[in-house]
Amino acid sequence: MFSVCSQSMWSGNERCFWFESIVLGPLHLLMVISRKSTGTLFVTLLIAAFVLNWTWEMLQMFAYSGITDAPWTKTIALCSVASLGDVGITVIVFVTVALAAGTLSWAWDFKWHSYTAAALIATCYSTLTELWGLASGKWAYTPNMIVVPVLNVGLWPFLQLMLLVPLAIWIAALISRRFDEPLTSE
């Protein structure tokens, strides 16, 4: 429930509850966020993961049957939905590695083993998803798709999350670290 000040909200130490909670609350929160802001990292991660995966999805569409003849609006819609799923997987992988590392700030450490773990988790997920999609008839390959021997999954979807999940995390860590550094006057 919002309160209304008896005095003007701009006078003295009294302020309206709504003003403090809606305006000053988020500003205070932004001020106390550390230099390596997890919030900035997550926002940057969501954007980087979507852009990378959407581009990859669009580029690999030639290798899936039923998509090459579809109108471009349908292809864009399908790739957008698939990319949103890939963003979700990227976040799940990030959090999984954070649980193993014991910190949400693991991406800023730039340690190879953390990024390798992210790539391996993403590869396992993409391989299982691809096998499920093929077995259930959700999608099929054209002759343009190179198939990975033994696994019997397409090379492009096999490589997609293996490469793009750690790349999106790395890009987000670099950008958020730079974004959160204090401004200096020159």
Foldseek 3Di string as FASTA:
>chain_A
DWDDDPDDQPDDPHHTPCCCVVPVVVVVVVVPADLLHLVLLLVLLLVLQLVLQLVLQLVCQLFWPPRVPDPPVVSSVVSNVVSNVSSVLLVVLLVVLCVVVVHSLVLLVVDPVSLQSSLVVQLVVLLVVQVVCVVVVVIDTDPVFDADPPSRGGPSSNVRRSPRSSVSSNVSSVVSSVVSDDDDDD
